[in-house]
């Protein structure tokens, strides 16, 4: 039996995938483990905690240069924004996705790189 071919995935597809799932939001680590399962189930190639630099390690780096950063309520909004700004400085990062249940506004792009918000609460509606 052959494995399904890996298809390139876009940011909008990833946002839909994230928003349609019910994640355990009790801890960020549990949520991340379930997101890893969801990506694996859909045969989406990714690296967990890819080191971009000593201080920049996004939660997920999806093939095609898409960073997914996971944040749960309680995170400081300015810290989250600054973290996304740092990631956007790296040449191999092309798109940023914030997967969060934190209500915060984001600009359409940071450093010329598109930014998407995936609302974790959507899967529970």
PDB file of N, CA and C in Angstrom:
ATOM      1  N   UNK A   1       0.838  -1.170   0.000  1.00  0.00           N
ATOM      2  CA  UNK A   1       0.000   0.000   0.000  1.00  0.00           C
ATOM      3  C   UNK A   1       0.889   1.241   0.000  1.00  0.00           C
ATOM      4  N   UNK A   2       0.656   2.153  -0.930  1.00  0.00           N
ATOM      5  CA  UNK A   2       1.492   3.345  -1.021  1.00  0.00           C
ATOM      6  C   UNK A   2       0.912   4.470  -0.162  1.00  0.00           C
ATOM      7  N   UNK A   3       1.814   5.352   0.249  1.00  0.00           N
ATOM      8  CA  UNK A   3       1.416   6.508   1.053  1.00  0.00           C
ATOM      9  C   UNK A   3       0.852   7.581   0.128  1.00  0.00           C
ATOM     10  N   UNK A   4      -0.099   8.368   0.593  1.00  0.00           N
ATOM     11  CA  UNK A   4      -0.606   9.472  -0.218  1.00  0.00           C
ATOM     12  C   UNK A   4       0.517  10.455  -0.523  1.00  0.00           C
ATOM     13  N   UNK A   5       0.454  11.059  -1.703  1.00  0.00           N
ATOM     14  CA  UNK A   5       1.461  12.041  -2.074  1.00  0.00           C
ATOM     15  C   UNK A   5       1.319  13.273  -1.191  1.00  0.00           C
ATOM     16  N   UNK A   6       2.453  13.830  -0.804  1.00  0.00           N
ATOM     17  CA  UNK A   6       2.444  15.041  -0.002  1.00  0.00           C
ATOM     18  C   UNK A   6       2.138  16.204  -0.931  1.00  0.00           C
ATOM     19  N   UNK A   7       1.107  16.950  -0.598  1.00  0.00           N
ATOM     20  CA  UNK A   7       0.707  18.105  -1.388  1.00  0.00           C
ATOM     21  C   UNK A   7       1.116  19.376  -0.659  1.00  0.00           C
ATOM     22  N   UNK A   8       1.547  20.385  -1.417  1.00  0.00           N
ATOM     23  CA  UNK A   8       1.845  21.650  -0.743  1.00  0.00           C
ATOM     24  C   UNK A   8       0.581  22.195  -0.090  1.00  0.00           C
ATOM     25  N   UNK A   9       0.739  22.809   1.042  1.00  0.00           N
ATOM     26  CA  UNK A   9      -0.403  23.341   1.773  1.00  0.00           C
ATOM     27  C   UNK A   9      -0.191  24.839   1.967  1.00  0.00           C
ATOM     28  N   UNK A  10      -1.262  25.592   1.833  1.00  0.00           N
ATOM     29  CA  UNK A  10      -1.176  27.033   2.005  1.00  0.00           C
ATOM     30  C   UNK A  10      -1.599  27.453   3.401  1.00  0.00           C
ATOM     31  N   UNK A  11      -1.345  28.704   3.715  1.00  0.00           N
ATOM     32  CA  UNK A  11      -1.676  29.232   5.030  1.00  0.00           C
ATOM     33  C   UNK A  11      -3.171  29.161   5.304  1.00  0.00           C
ATOM     34  N   UNK A  12      -3.994  29.488   4.321  1.00  0.00           N
ATOM     35  CA  UNK A  12      -5.446  29.455   4.532  1.00  0.00           C
ATOM     36  C   UNK A  12      -5.912  28.033   4.843  1.00  0.00           C
ATOM     37  N   UNK A  13      -5.308  27.038   4.189  1.00  0.00           N
ATOM     38  CA  UNK A  13      -5.645  25.636   4.468  1.00  0.00           C
ATOM     39  C   UNK A  13      -5.273  25.274   5.908  1.00  0.00           C
ATOM     40  N   UNK A  14      -4.120  25.738   6.356  1.00  0.00           N
ATOM     41  CA  UNK A  14      -3.675  25.445   7.717  1.00  0.00           C
ATOM     42  C   UNK A  14      -4.582  26.121   8.747  1.00  0.00           C
ATOM     43  N   UNK A  15      -4.974  27.361   8.480  1.00  0.00           N
ATOM     44  CA  UNK A  15      -5.876  28.061   9.397  1.00  0.00           C
ATOM     45  C   UNK A  15      -7.190  27.294   9.508  1.00  0.00           C
ATOM     46  N   UNK A  16      -7.733  26.845   8.368  1.00  0.00           N
ATOM     47  CA  UNK A  16      -8.978  26.058   8.395  1.00  0.00           C
ATOM     48  C   UNK A  16      -8.799  24.768   9.186  1.00  0.00           C
ATOM     49  N   UNK A  17      -7.696  24.073   8.953  1.00  0.00           N
ATOM     50  CA  UNK A  17      -7.419  22.829   9.683  1.00  0.00           C
ATOM     51  C   UNK A  17      -7.392  23.088  11.191  1.00  0.00           C
ATOM     52  N   UNK A  18      -6.708  24.130  11.602  1.00  0.00           N
ATOM     53  CA  UNK A  18      -6.587  24.452  13.025  1.00  0.00           C
ATOM     54  C   UNK A  18      -7.946  24.829  13.612  1.00  0.00           C
ATOM     55  N   UNK A  19      -8.687  25.653  12.916  1.00  0.00           N
ATOM     56  CA  UNK A  19      -9.949  26.163  13.454  1.00  0.00           C
ATOM     57  C   UNK A  19     -11.059  25.106  13.500  1.00  0.00           C
ATOM     58  N   UNK A  20     -10.937  24.054  12.727  1.00  0.00           N
ATOM     59  CA  UNK A  20     -11.963  23.005  12.712  1.00  0.00           C
ATOM     60  C   UNK A  20     -11.744  21.935  13.771  1.00  0.00           C
ATOM     61  N   UNK A  21     -10.582  21.928  14.409  1.00  0.00           N
ATOM     62  CA  UNK A  21     -10.266  20.898  15.406  1.00  0.00           C
ATOM     63  C   UNK A  21     -10.583  21.384  16.810  1.00  0.00           C
ATOM     64  N   UNK A  22     -10.897  20.429  17.669  1.00  0.00           N
ATOM     65  CA  UNK A  22     -11.066  20.719  19.092  1.00  0.00           C
ATOM     66  C   UNK A  22      -9.782  20.319  19.802  1.00  0.00           C
ATOM     67  N   UNK A  23      -9.030  21.297  20.221  1.00  0.00           N
ATOM     68  CA  UNK A  23      -7.766  21.054  20.900  1.00  0.00           C
ATOM     69  C   UNK A  23      -7.950  21.131  22.409  1.00  0.00           C
ATOM     70  N   UNK A  24      -7.173  20.333  23.129  1.00  0.00           N
ATOM     71  CA  UNK A  24      -7.107  20.420  24.578  1.00  0.00           C
ATOM     72  C   UNK A  24      -6.345  21.706  24.897  1.00  0.00           C
ATOM     73  N   UNK A  25      -7.031  22.672  25.470  1.00  0.00           N
ATOM     74  CA  UNK A  25      -6.426  23.970  25.742  1.00  0.00           C
ATOM     75  C   UNK A  25      -5.982  24.117  27.201  1.00  0.00           C
ATOM     76  N   UNK A  26      -5.839  22.998  27.899  1.00  0.00           N
ATOM     77  CA  UNK A  26      -5.420  23.068  29.300  1.00  0.00           C
ATOM     78  C   UNK A  26      -3.955  23.490  29.422  1.00  0.00           C
ATOM     79  N   UNK A  27      -3.110  23.079  28.463  1.00  0.00           N
ATOM     80  CA  UNK A  27      -1.713  23.525  28.428  1.00  0.00           C
ATOM     81  C   UNK A  27      -1.281  23.683  26.973  1.00  0.00           C
ATOM     82  N   UNK A  28      -0.312  24.556  26.776  1.00  0.00           N
ATOM     83  CA  UNK A  28       0.208  24.777  25.435  1.00  0.00           C
ATOM     84  C   UNK A  28       0.848  23.502  24.879  1.00  0.00           C
ATOM     85  N   UNK A  29       1.534  22.749  25.714  1.00  0.00           N
ATOM     86  CA  UNK A  29       2.195  21.514  25.263  1.00  0.00           C
ATOM     87  C   UNK A  29       1.182  20.487  24.759  1.00  0.00           C
ATOM     88  N   UNK A  30       0.048  20.333  25.442  1.00  0.00           N
ATOM     89  CA  UNK A  30      -0.991  19.397  24.990  1.00  0.00           C
ATOM     90  C   UNK A  30      -1.577  19.860  23.660  1.00  0.00           C
ATOM     91  N   UNK A  31      -1.828  21.158  23.575  1.00  0.00           N
ATOM     92  CA  UNK A  31      -2.383  21.703  22.336  1.00  0.00           C
ATOM     93  C   UNK A  31      -1.403  21.467  21.177  1.00  0.00           C
ATOM     94  N   UNK A  32      -0.127  21.704  21.418  1.00  0.00           N
ATOM     95  CA  UNK A  32       0.895  21.505  20.387  1.00  0.00           C
ATOM     96  C   UNK A  32       0.991  20.038  19.963  1.00  0.00           C
ATOM     97  N   UNK A  33       0.905  19.133  20.907  1.00  0.00           N
ATOM     98  CA  UNK A  33       0.955  17.704  20.583  1.00  0.00           C
ATOM     99  C   UNK A  33      -0.218  17.322  19.685  1.00  0.00           C
ATOM    100  N   UNK A  34      -1.401  17.860  19.988  1.00  0.00           N
ATOM    101  CA  UNK A  34      -2.567  17.558  19.155  1.00  0.00           C
ATOM    102  C   UNK A  34      -2.465  18.217  17.783  1.00  0.00           C
ATOM    103  N   UNK A  35      -1.864  19.393  17.715  1.00  0.00           N
ATOM    104  CA  UNK A  35      -1.657  20.029  16.407  1.00  0.00           C
ATOM    105  C   UNK A  35      -0.668  19.212  15.582  1.00  0.00           C
ATOM    106  N   UNK A  36       0.367  18.696  16.214  1.00  0.00           N
ATOM    107  CA  UNK A  36       1.319  17.833  15.509  1.00  0.00           C
ATOM    108  C   UNK A  36       0.609  16.610  14.934  1.00  0.00           C
ATOM    109  N   UNK A  37      -0.304  16.019  15.719  1.00  0.00           N
ATOM    110  CA  UNK A  37      -1.095  14.876  15.238  1.00  0.00           C
ATOM    111  C   UNK A  37      -1.951  15.270  14.034  1.00  0.00           C
ATOM    112  N   UNK A  38      -2.587  16.433  14.120  1.00  0.00           N
ATOM    113  CA  UNK A  38      -3.455  16.894  13.032  1.00  0.00           C
ATOM    114  C   UNK A  38      -2.656  17.095  11.748  1.00  0.00           C
ATOM    115  N   UNK A  39      -1.475  17.674  11.848  1.00  0.00           N
ATOM    116  CA  UNK A  39      -0.626  17.881  10.666  1.00  0.00           C
ATOM    117  C   UNK A  39      -0.161  16.541  10.105  1.00  0.00           C
ATOM    118  N   UNK A  40       0.230  15.636  10.986  1.00  0.00           N
ATOM    119  CA  UNK A  40       0.685  14.311  10.564  1.00  0.00           C
ATOM    120  C   UNK A  40      -0.444  13.546   9.888  1.00  0.00           C
ATOM    121  N   UNK A  41      -1.648  13.620  10.455  1.00  0.00           N
ATOM    122  CA  UNK A  41      -2.806  12.930   9.871  1.00  0.00           C
ATOM    123  C   UNK A  41      -3.097  13.391   8.451  1.00  0.00           C
ATOM    124  N   UNK A  42      -2.790  14.655   8.161  1.00  0.00           N
ATOM    125  CA  UNK A  42      -3.042  15.224   6.825  1.00  0.00           C
ATOM    126  C   UNK A  42      -1.790  15.167   5.945  1.00  0.00           C
ATOM    127  N   UNK A  43      -0.746  14.469   6.412  1.00  0.00           N
ATOM    128  CA  UNK A  43       0.497  14.296   5.657  1.00  0.00           C
ATOM    129  C   UNK A  43       1.135  15.639   5.290  1.00  0.00           C
ATOM    130  N   UNK A  44       1.081  16.573   6.237  1.00  0.00           N
ATOM    131  CA  UNK A  44       1.672  17.895   6.036  1.00  0.00           C
ATOM    132  C   UNK A  44       3.063  17.888   6.665  1.00  0.00           C
ATOM    133  N   UNK A  45       4.113  18.064   5.856  1.00  0.00           N
ATOM    134  CA  UNK A  45       5.474  18.032   6.400  1.00  0.00           C
ATOM    135  C   UNK A  45       5.755  19.249   7.287  1.00  0.00           C
ATOM    136  N   UNK A  46       6.318  18.990   8.464  1.00  0.00           N
ATOM    137  CA  UNK A  46       6.640  20.064   9.396  1.00  0.00           C
ATOM    138  C   UNK A  46       7.794  19.646  10.292  1.00  0.00           C
ATOM    139  N   UNK A  47       8.377  20.638  10.936  1.00  0.00           N
ATOM    140  CA  UNK A  47       9.424  20.420  11.935  1.00  0.00           C
ATOM    141  C   UNK A  47       8.947  21.087  13.212  1.00  0.00           C
ATOM    142  N   UNK A  48       9.020  20.372  14.322  1.00  0.00           N
ATOM    143  CA  UNK A  48       8.685  20.963  15.620  1.00  0.00           C
ATOM    144  C   UNK A  48       9.888  21.752  16.127  1.00  0.00           C
ATOM    145  N   UNK A  49       9.615  22.933  16.628  1.00  0.00           N
ATOM    146  CA  UNK A  49      10.619  23.768  17.276  1.00  0.00           C
ATOM    147  C   UNK A  49      11.904  23.892  16.452  1.00  0.00           C
ATOM    148  N   UNK A  50      11.735  24.319  15.206  1.00  0.00           N
ATOM    149  CA  UNK A  50      12.896  24.553  14.324  1.00  0.00           C
ATOM    150  C   UNK A  50      13.644  25.791  14.812  1.00  0.00           C
ATOM    151  N   UNK A  51      14.924  25.627  15.002  1.00  0.00           N
ATOM    152  CA  UNK A  51      15.759  26.728  15.497  1.00  0.00           C
ATOM    153  C   UNK A  51      16.102  27.664  14.329  1.00  0.00           C
ATOM    154  N   UNK A  52      15.544  28.877  14.382  1.00  0.00           N
ATOM    155  CA  UNK A  52      15.868  29.890  13.385  1.00  0.00           C
ATOM    156  C   UNK A  52      17.114  30.657  13.793  1.00  0.00           C
ATOM    157  N   UNK A  53      17.280  30.833  15.108  1.00  0.00           N
ATOM    158  CA  UNK A  53      18.452  31.458  15.718  1.00  0.00           C
ATOM    159  C   UNK A  53      18.448  31.026  17.182  1.00  0.00           C
ATOM    160  N   UNK A  54      19.408  31.500  17.954  1.00  0.00           N
ATOM    161  CA  UNK A  54      19.474  31.091  19.360  1.00  0.00           C
ATOM    162  C   UNK A  54      18.189  31.398  20.116  1.00  0.00           C
ATOM    163  N   UNK A  55      17.555  32.532  19.842  1.00  0.00           N
ATOM    164  CA  UNK A  55      16.370  32.906  20.586  1.00  0.00           C
ATOM    165  C   UNK A  55      15.057  32.727  19.855  1.00  0.00           C
ATOM    166  N   UNK A  56      15.128  32.327  18.597  1.00  0.00           N
ATOM    167  CA  UNK A  56      13.916  32.215  17.780  1.00  0.00           C
ATOM    168  C   UNK A  56      13.653  30.763  17.392  1.00  0.00           C
ATOM    169  N   UNK A  57      12.679  30.163  18.099  1.00  0.00           N
ATOM    170  CA  UNK A  57      12.347  28.757  17.886  1.00  0.00           C
ATOM    171  C   UNK A  57      10.822  28.642  17.824  1.00  0.00           C
ATOM    172  N   UNK A  58      10.243  28.783  16.618  1.00  0.00           N
ATOM    173  CA  UNK A  58       8.782  28.667  16.520  1.00  0.00           C
ATOM    174  C   UNK A  58       8.311  27.251  16.826  1.00  0.00           C
ATOM    175  N   UNK A  59       7.056  27.149  17.247  1.00  0.00           N
ATOM    176  CA  UNK A  59       6.500  25.851  17.613  1.00  0.00           C
ATOM    177  C   UNK A  59       6.472  24.888  16.427  1.00  0.00           C
ATOM    178  N   UNK A  60       6.102  25.389  15.251  1.00  0.00           N
ATOM    179  CA  UNK A  60       6.028  24.553  14.044  1.00  0.00           C
ATOM    180  C   UNK A  60       6.579  25.328  12.860  1.00  0.00           C
ATOM    181  N   UNK A  61       7.353  24.638  12.035  1.00  0.00           N
ATOM    182  CA  UNK A  61       7.820  25.194  10.770  1.00  0.00           C
ATOM    183  C   UNK A  61       7.328  24.239   9.686  1.00  0.00           C
ATOM    184  N   UNK A  62       6.316  24.679   8.957  1.00  0.00           N
ATOM    185  CA  UNK A  62       5.690  23.845   7.932  1.00  0.00           C
ATOM    186  C   UNK A  62       6.425  24.059   6.610  1.00  0.00           C
ATOM    187  N   UNK A  63       6.577  22.972   5.871  1.00  0.00           N
ATOM    188  CA  UNK A  63       7.235  23.045   4.568  1.00  0.00           C
ATOM    189  C   UNK A  63       6.632  24.187   3.755  1.00  0.00           C
ATOM    190  N   UNK A  64       7.486  24.971   3.133  1.00  0.00           N
ATOM    191  CA  UNK A  64       7.024  26.122   2.371  1.00  0.00           C
ATOM    192  C   UNK A  64       7.241  27.428   3.115  1.00  0.00           C
ATOM    193  N   UNK A  65       7.864  27.358   4.301  1.00  0.00           N
ATOM    194  CA  UNK A  65       8.206  28.569   5.035  1.00  0.00           C
ATOM    195  C   UNK A  65       7.109  29.126   5.914  1.00  0.00           C
ATOM    196  N   UNK A  66       6.163  28.274   6.331  1.00  0.00           N
ATOM    197  CA  UNK A  66       5.053  28.728   7.166  1.00  0.00           C
ATOM    198  C   UNK A  66       5.352  28.410   8.633  1.00  0.00           C
ATOM    199  N   UNK A  67       5.379  29.453   9.450  1.00  0.00           N
ATOM    200  CA  UNK A  67       5.576  29.297  10.893  1.00  0.00           C
ATOM    201  C   UNK A  67       4.216  29.299  11.571  1.00  0.00           C
ATOM    202  N   UNK A  68       4.008  28.341  12.469  1.00  0.00           N
ATOM    203  CA  UNK A  68       2.816  28.337  13.322  1.00  0.00           C
ATOM    204  C   UNK A  68       3.293  28.492  14.757  1.00  0.00           C
ATOM    205  N   UNK A  69       2.850  29.557  15.390  1.00  0.00           N
ATOM    206  CA  UNK A  69       3.171  29.806  16.796  1.00  0.00           C
ATOM    207  C   UNK A  69       1.894  29.628  17.604  1.00  0.00           C
ATOM    208  N   UNK A  70       1.968  28.854  18.679  1.00  0.00           N
ATOM    209  CA  UNK A  70       0.810  28.554  19.523  1.00  0.00           C
ATOM    210  C   UNK A  70       0.894  29.360  20.812  1.00  0.00           C
ATOM    211  N   UNK A  71      -0.189  30.033  21.147  1.00  0.00           N
ATOM    212  CA  UNK A  71      -0.257  30.797  22.393  1.00  0.00           C
ATOM    213  C   UNK A  71      -1.639  30.628  22.998  1.00  0.00           C
ATOM    214  N   UNK A  72      -1.669  30.429  24.310  1.00  0.00           N
ATOM    215  CA  UNK A  72      -2.938  30.313  25.020  1.00  0.00           C
ATOM    216  C   UNK A  72      -3.154  31.540  25.897  1.00  0.00           C
ATOM    217  N   UNK A  73      -4.401  31.714  26.322  1.00  0.00           N
ATOM    218  CA  UNK A  73      -4.748  32.840  27.201  1.00  0.00           C
ATOM    219  C   UNK A  73      -3.744  32.944  28.324  1.00  0.00           C
ATOM    220  N   UNK A  74      -3.431  34.164  28.649  1.00  0.00           N
ATOM    221  CA  UNK A  74      -2.444  34.401  29.698  1.00  0.00           C
ATOM    222  C   UNK A  74      -1.144  34.944  29.128  1.00  0.00           C
ATOM    223  N   UNK A  75      -0.904  34.702  27.846  1.00  0.00           N
ATOM    224  CA  UNK A  75       0.292  35.242  27.199  1.00  0.00           C
ATOM    225  C   UNK A  75       0.125  36.752  27.053  1.00  0.00           C
ATOM    226  N   UNK A  76       1.195  37.472  27.193  1.00  0.00           N
ATOM    227  CA  UNK A  76       1.147  38.933  27.018  1.00  0.00           C
ATOM    228  C   UNK A  76       1.132  39.256  25.529  1.00  0.00           C
ATOM    229  N   UNK A  77       0.148  40.028  25.123  1.00  0.00           N
ATOM    230  CA  UNK A  77      -0.050  40.329  23.704  1.00  0.00           C
ATOM    231  C   UNK A  77       1.165  41.001  23.068  1.00  0.00           C
ATOM    232  N   UNK A  78       1.775  41.936  23.752  1.00  0.00           N
ATOM    233  CA  UNK A  78       2.946  42.624  23.188  1.00  0.00           C
ATOM    234  C   UNK A  78       4.107  41.652  23.032  1.00  0.00           C
ATOM    235  N   UNK A  79       4.268  40.727  23.968  1.00  0.00           N
ATOM    236  CA  UNK A  79       5.334  39.726  23.855  1.00  0.00           C
ATOM    237  C   UNK A  79       5.093  38.815  22.651  1.00  0.00           C
ATOM    238  N   UNK A  80       3.843  38.427  22.440  1.00  0.00           N
ATOM    239  CA  UNK A  80       3.493  37.581  21.291  1.00  0.00           C
ATOM    240  C   UNK A  80       3.809  38.327  19.996  1.00  0.00           C
ATOM    241  N   UNK A  81       3.402  39.585  19.924  1.00  0.00           N
ATOM    242  CA  UNK A  81       3.648  40.385  18.720  1.00  0.00           C
ATOM    243  C   UNK A  81       5.154  40.519  18.453  1.00  0.00           C
ATOM    244  N   UNK A  82       5.924  40.816  19.488  1.00  0.00           N
ATOM    245  CA  UNK A  82       7.381  40.948  19.328  1.00  0.00           C
ATOM    246  C   UNK A  82       8.005  39.634  18.856  1.00  0.00           C
ATOM    247  N   UNK A  83       7.494  38.535  19.372  1.00  0.00           N
ATOM    248  CA  UNK A  83       7.993  37.219  18.960  1.00  0.00           C
ATOM    249  C   UNK A  83       7.721  37.000  17.470  1.00  0.00           C
ATOM    250  N   UNK A  84       6.511  37.315  17.016  1.00  0.00           N
ATOM    251  CA  UNK A  84       6.185  37.186  15.594  1.00  0.00           C
ATOM    252  C   UNK A  84       7.069  38.107  14.747  1.00  0.00           C
ATOM    253  N   UNK A  85       7.338  39.295  15.245  1.00  0.00           N
ATOM    254  CA  UNK A  85       8.223  40.223  14.527  1.00  0.00           C
ATOM    255  C   UNK A  85       9.625  39.647  14.363  1.00  0.00           C
ATOM    256  N   UNK A  86      10.127  39.026  15.417  1.00  0.00           N
ATOM    257  CA  UNK A  86      11.464  38.398  15.327  1.00  0.00           C
ATOM    258  C   UNK A  86      11.468  37.284  14.285  1.00  0.00           C
ATOM    259  N   UNK A  87      10.432  36.442  14.305  1.00  0.00           N
ATOM    260  CA  UNK A  87      10.366  35.353  13.326  1.00  0.00           C
ATOM    261  C   UNK A  87      10.325  35.911  11.910  1.00  0.00           C
ATOM    262  N   UNK A  88       9.613  37.013  11.720  1.00  0.00           N
ATOM    263  CA  UNK A  88       9.453  37.598  10.377  1.00  0.00           C
ATOM    264  C   UNK A  88      10.768  38.151   9.826  1.00  0.00           C
ATOM    265  N   UNK A  89      11.740  38.344  10.672  1.00  0.00           N
ATOM    266  CA  UNK A  89      13.043  38.834  10.219  1.00  0.00           C
ATOM    267  C   UNK A  89      13.855  37.759   9.510  1.00  0.00           C
ATOM    268  N   UNK A  90      13.491  36.498   9.652  1.00  0.00           N
ATOM    269  CA  UNK A  90      14.259  35.405   9.064  1.00  0.00           C
ATOM    270  C   UNK A  90      13.831  35.162   7.614  1.00  0.00           C
ATOM    271  N   UNK A  91      14.819  35.017   6.742  1.00  0.00           N
ATOM    272  CA  UNK A  91      14.555  34.877   5.306  1.00  0.00           C
ATOM    273  C   UNK A  91      13.761  33.620   4.975  1.00  0.00           C
ATOM    274  N   UNK A  92      13.948  32.529   5.725  1.00  0.00           N
ATOM    275  CA  UNK A  92      13.249  31.289   5.385  1.00  0.00           C
ATOM    276  C   UNK A  92      11.809  31.257   5.913  1.00  0.00           C
ATOM    277  N   UNK A  93      11.414  32.273   6.675  1.00  0.00           N
ATOM    278  CA  UNK A  93      10.021  32.400   7.119  1.00  0.00           C
ATOM    279  C   UNK A  93       9.284  33.253   6.091  1.00  0.00           C
ATOM    280  N   UNK A  94       8.253  32.676   5.484  1.00  0.00           N
ATOM    281  CA  UNK A  94       7.500  33.380   4.447  1.00  0.00           C
ATOM    282  C   UNK A  94       6.109  33.798   4.908  1.00  0.00           C
ATOM    283  N   UNK A  95       5.538  33.054   5.876  1.00  0.00           N
ATOM    284  CA  UNK A  95       4.182  33.302   6.366  1.00  0.00           C
ATOM    285  C   UNK A  95       4.159  33.001   7.861  1.00  0.00           C
ATOM    286  N   UNK A  96       3.364  33.769   8.613  1.00  0.00           N
ATOM    287  CA  UNK A  96       3.205  33.563  10.050  1.00  0.00           C
ATOM    288  C   UNK A  96       1.747  33.243  10.362  1.00  0.00           C
ATOM    289  N   UNK A  97       1.534  32.220  11.203  1.00  0.00           N
ATOM    290  CA  UNK A  97       0.196  31.894  11.696  1.00  0.00           C
ATOM    291  C   UNK A  97       0.265  31.851  13.214  1.00  0.00           C
ATOM    292  N   UNK A  98      -0.618  32.623  13.854  1.00  0.00           N
ATOM    293  CA  UNK A  98      -0.751  32.567  15.300  1.00  0.00           C
ATOM    294  C   UNK A  98      -1.969  31.719  15.616  1.00  0.00           C
ATOM    295  N   UNK A  99      -1.749  30.548  16.220  1.00  0.00           N
ATOM    296  CA  UNK A  99      -2.834  29.665  16.646  1.00  0.00           C
ATOM    297  C   UNK A  99      -3.061  29.937  18.125  1.00  0.00           C
ATOM    298  N   UNK A 100      -4.212  30.549  18.457  1.00  0.00           N
ATOM    299  CA  UNK A 100      -4.385  31.032  19.816  1.00  0.00           C
ATOM    300  C   UNK A 100      -5.847  31.165  20.209  1.00  0.00           C
ATOM    301  N   UNK A 101      -6.074  31.133  21.517  1.00  0.00           N
ATOM    302  CA  UNK A 101      -7.380  31.497  22.055  1.00  0.00           C
ATOM    303  C   UNK A 101      -7.294  32.863  22.722  1.00  0.00           C
ATOM    304  N   UNK A 102      -6.224  33.567  22.446  1.00  0.00           N
ATOM    305  CA  UNK A 102      -5.973  34.907  22.944  1.00  0.00           C
ATOM    306  C   UNK A 102      -6.595  35.902  21.964  1.00  0.00           C
ATOM    307  N   UNK A 103      -7.460  36.766  22.456  1.00  0.00           N
ATOM    308  CA  UNK A 103      -8.085  37.770  21.592  1.00  0.00           C
ATOM    309  C   UNK A 103      -7.117  38.932  21.404  1.00  0.00           C
ATOM    310  N   UNK A 104      -6.578  39.043  20.196  1.00  0.00           N
ATOM    311  CA  UNK A 104      -5.678  40.155  19.912  1.00  0.00           C
ATOM    312  C   UNK A 104      -5.704  40.459  18.423  1.00  0.00           C
ATOM    313  N   UNK A 105      -5.550  41.714  18.110  1.00  0.00           N
ATOM    314  CA  UNK A 105      -5.491  42.122  16.716  1.00  0.00           C
ATOM    315  C   UNK A 105      -4.092  41.936  16.164  1.00  0.00           C
ATOM    316  N   UNK A 106      -4.022  41.628  14.891  1.00  0.00           N
ATOM    317  CA  UNK A 106      -2.736  41.479  14.212  1.00  0.00           C
ATOM    318  C   UNK A 106      -2.784  42.266  12.913  1.00  0.00           C
ATOM    319  N   UNK A 107      -1.652  42.822  12.487  1.00  0.00           N
ATOM    320  CA  UNK A 107      -1.627  43.486  11.187  1.00  0.00           C
ATOM    321  C   UNK A 107      -1.693  42.438  10.082  1.00  0.00           C
ATOM    322  N   UNK A 108      -2.035  42.840   8.848  1.00  0.00           N
ATOM    323  CA  UNK A 108      -2.092  41.867   7.748  1.00  0.00           C
ATOM    324  C   UNK A 108      -0.726  41.288   7.387  1.00  0.00           C
ATOM    325  N   UNK A 109       0.336  42.031   7.705  1.00  0.00           N
ATOM    326  CA  UNK A 109       1.681  41.495   7.470  1.00  0.00           C
ATOM    327  C   UNK A 109       2.650  42.117   8.471  1.00  0.00           C
ATOM    328  N   UNK A 110       3.754  41.410   8.659  1.00  0.00           N
ATOM    329  CA  UNK A 110       4.848  41.881   9.493  1.00  0.00           C
ATOM    330  C   UNK A 110       6.111  41.711   8.661  1.00  0.00           C
ATOM    331  N   UNK A 111       6.826  42.808   8.483  1.00  0.00           N
ATOM    332  CA  UNK A 111       8.060  42.769   7.695  1.00  0.00           C
ATOM    333  C   UNK A 111       7.799  42.216   6.289  1.00  0.00           C
ATOM    334  N   UNK A 112       6.624  42.530   5.738  1.00  0.00           N
ATOM    335  CA  UNK A 112       6.273  42.089   4.391  1.00  0.00           C
ATOM    336  C   UNK A 112       5.819  40.643   4.300  1.00  0.00           C
ATOM    337  N   UNK A 113       5.647  39.989   5.440  1.00  0.00           N
ATOM    338  CA  UNK A 113       5.234  38.581   5.446  1.00  0.00           C
ATOM    339  C   UNK A 113       3.801  38.479   5.957  1.00  0.00           C
ATOM    340  N   UNK A 114       2.922  37.785   5.225  1.00  0.00           N
ATOM    341  CA  UNK A 114       1.526  37.689   5.638  1.00  0.00           C
ATOM    342  C   UNK A 114       1.380  37.057   7.020  1.00  0.00           C
ATOM    343  N   UNK A 115       0.415  37.596   7.776  1.00  0.00           N
ATOM    344  CA  UNK A 115       0.126  37.108   9.122  1.00  0.00           C
ATOM    345  C   UNK A 115      -1.329  36.655   9.168  1.00  0.00           C
ATOM    346  N   UNK A 116      -1.551  35.460   9.723  1.00  0.00           N
ATOM    347  CA  UNK A 116      -2.894  34.901   9.872  1.00  0.00           C
ATOM    348  C   UNK A 116      -3.129  34.554  11.332  1.00  0.00           C
ATOM    349  N   UNK A 117      -4.380  34.677  11.763  1.00  0.00           N
ATOM    350  CA  UNK A 117      -4.771  34.259  13.102  1.00  0.00           C
ATOM    351  C   UNK A 117      -5.702  33.062  12.973  1.00  0.00           C
ATOM    352  N   UNK A 118      -5.390  31.995  13.688  1.00  0.00           N
ATOM    353  CA  UNK A 118      -6.250  30.810  13.738  1.00  0.00           C
ATOM    354  C   UNK A 118      -6.838  30.749  15.138  1.00  0.00           C
ATOM    355  N   UNK A 119      -8.143  31.002  15.238  1.00  0.00           N
ATOM    356  CA  UNK A 119      -8.828  31.048  16.532  1.00  0.00           C
ATOM    357  C   UNK A 119      -9.107  29.633  17.031  1.00  0.00           C
ATOM    358  N   UNK A 120      -8.464  29.262  18.130  1.00  0.00           N
ATOM    359  CA  UNK A 120      -8.623  27.913  18.670  1.00  0.00           C
ATOM    360  C   UNK A 120     -10.026  27.662  19.206  1.00  0.00           C
ATOM    361  N   UNK A 121     -10.757  28.687  19.527  1.00  0.00           N
ATOM    362  CA  UNK A 121     -12.113  28.525  20.048  1.00  0.00           C
ATOM    363  C   UNK A 121     -13.100  28.086  18.971  1.00  0.00           C
ATOM    364  N   UNK A 122     -12.777  28.269  17.697  1.00  0.00           N
ATOM    365  CA  UNK A 122     -13.692  27.956  16.603  1.00  0.00           C
ATOM    366  C   UNK A 122     -14.088  26.477  16.595  1.00  0.00           C
ATOM    367  N   UNK A 123     -13.186  25.592  16.938  1.00  0.00           N
ATOM    368  CA  UNK A 123     -13.486  24.163  16.938  1.00  0.00           C
ATOM    369  C   UNK A 123     -14.495  23.765  17.986  1.00  0.00           C
ATOM    370  N   UNK A 124     -14.734  24.620  18.952  1.00  0.00           N
ATOM    371  CA  UNK A 124     -15.663  24.319  20.044  1.00  0.00           C
ATOM    372  C   UNK A 124     -17.043  24.907  19.816  1.00  0.00           C
ATOM    373  N   UNK A 125     -17.206  25.652  18.716  1.00  0.00           N
ATOM    374  CA  UNK A 125     -18.504  26.280  18.439  1.00  0.00           C
ATOM    375  C   UNK A 125     -19.441  25.336  17.724  1.00  0.00           C
TER     376      UNK A 125
END
